[in-house]
């Protein structure tokens, strides 16, 4: 695979189409964290949360599924589990609820 340099920052890019995470600026995560006044760990979590809905929407469109969202799948999962007589405490734990 041939590599090319990014003209903006000089980083080496693999050949082919670059992957995008939403509409994030071309700053590094550390630079964005500093600019936003938050920790790098928090910035990484925000980047994932920002990119996930767009990624999910593209995958659903590619699969030909309309009207689905991550939240609707979460609700569907919980409903199916409860309809199979799974204890409420177990379903709640699987969904990440503390109490």
Protein backbone atom coordinates (compact mmCIF):
# COMPACT_ATOMS: atom_id res chain seq x y z
CA UNK A 1 0.00 0.00 0.00
CA UNK A 2 1.37 3.38 -1.01
CA UNK A 3 1.24 6.16 1.58
CA UNK A 4 0.72 9.88 1.00
CA UNK A 5 1.27 12.86 3.26
CA UNK A 6 -1.64 14.91 4.55
CA UNK A 7 -1.04 18.48 3.30
CA UNK A 8 -2.66 19.96 6.41
CA UNK A 9 -0.45 18.39 9.08
CA UNK A 10 2.14 16.21 7.31
CA UNK A 11 0.82 12.93 8.76
CA UNK A 12 1.16 9.87 6.58
CA UNK A 13 -2.18 8.72 5.16
CA UNK A 14 -2.85 5.25 3.74
CA UNK A 15 -3.81 5.10 0.09
CA UNK A 16 -7.52 5.09 -0.55
CA UNK A 17 -10.49 6.94 0.83
CA UNK A 18 -9.88 8.47 4.27
CA UNK A 19 -12.27 7.52 7.04
CA UNK A 20 -14.26 10.36 8.63
CA UNK A 21 -15.75 10.62 12.09
CA UNK A 22 -18.70 12.93 11.61
CA UNK A 23 -17.77 16.56 11.06
CA UNK A 24 -14.85 16.65 13.45
CA UNK A 25 -12.20 19.28 12.78
CA UNK A 26 -8.76 18.11 11.65
CA UNK A 27 -7.29 18.72 15.11
CA UNK A 28 -5.93 15.83 17.14
CA UNK A 29 -8.02 14.59 20.06
CA UNK A 30 -5.52 16.11 22.48
CA UNK A 31 -5.74 19.50 20.76
CA UNK A 32 -9.57 19.39 20.76
CA UNK A 33 -9.60 18.41 24.45
CA UNK A 34 -7.34 21.32 25.33
CA UNK A 35 -9.45 23.69 23.22
CA UNK A 36 -12.65 22.47 24.90
CA UNK A 37 -11.15 22.58 28.39
CA UNK A 38 -11.79 18.88 29.06
CA UNK A 39 -9.66 15.81 29.64
CA UNK A 40 -8.40 13.67 26.76
CA UNK A 41 -10.39 10.73 28.13
CA UNK A 42 -13.61 12.75 28.02
CA UNK A 43 -12.79 13.97 24.49
CA UNK A 44 -12.35 10.38 23.29
CA UNK A 45 -15.77 9.47 24.69
CA UNK A 46 -17.35 12.51 23.02
CA UNK A 47 -15.75 11.60 19.68
CA UNK A 48 -17.25 8.11 19.85
CA UNK A 49 -20.69 9.46 20.77
CA UNK A 50 -20.50 11.98 17.93
CA UNK A 51 -19.43 9.42 15.32
CA UNK A 52 -21.73 6.55 16.32
CA UNK A 53 -25.13 7.93 15.17
CA UNK A 54 -23.77 8.76 11.70
CA UNK A 55 -22.12 5.35 11.40
CA UNK A 56 -25.32 3.62 12.54
CA UNK A 57 -27.43 5.60 10.06
CA UNK A 58 -25.11 4.68 7.16
CA UNK A 59 -25.22 0.99 8.08
CA UNK A 60 -29.02 1.00 8.36
CA UNK A 61 -29.35 2.78 4.99
CA UNK A 62 -26.97 0.28 3.38
CA UNK A 63 -29.02 -2.61 4.81
CA UNK A 64 -32.24 -1.03 3.51
CA UNK A 65 -33.70 -0.58 7.00
CA UNK A 66 -35.74 2.60 7.46
CA UNK A 67 -36.78 4.26 10.70
CA UNK A 68 -34.34 2.41 12.97
CA UNK A 69 -32.08 4.05 15.50
CA UNK A 70 -29.75 2.75 18.18
CA UNK A 71 -32.35 3.72 20.76
CA UNK A 72 -35.12 1.83 18.96
CA UNK A 73 -32.93 -1.29 18.89
CA UNK A 74 -32.21 -0.85 22.60
CA UNK A 75 -35.95 -0.66 23.35
CA UNK A 76 -36.66 -3.65 21.10
CA UNK A 77 -34.02 -5.71 22.89
CA UNK A 78 -35.47 -4.84 26.29
CA UNK A 79 -39.02 -5.64 25.12
CA UNK A 80 -37.99 -9.02 23.73
CA UNK A 81 -36.17 -9.91 26.92
CA UNK A 82 -39.14 -8.96 29.10
CA UNK A 83 -41.54 -10.88 26.86
CA UNK A 84 -39.38 -13.97 27.44
CA UNK A 85 -39.87 -13.58 31.20
CA UNK A 86 -36.32 -12.39 31.81
CA UNK A 87 -36.21 -10.84 35.29
CA UNK A 88 -36.51 -7.06 35.25
CA UNK A 89 -33.29 -6.72 37.26
CA UNK A 90 -31.38 -8.66 34.58
CA UNK A 91 -32.78 -6.57 31.73
CA UNK A 92 -32.06 -3.39 33.66
CA UNK A 93 -28.46 -4.51 34.26
CA UNK A 94 -27.97 -5.38 30.58
CA UNK A 95 -29.15 -1.89 29.62
CA UNK A 96 -26.56 -0.38 31.96
CA UNK A 97 -28.87 0.90 34.67
CA UNK A 98 -27.36 1.04 38.14
CA UNK A 99 -30.55 0.54 40.17
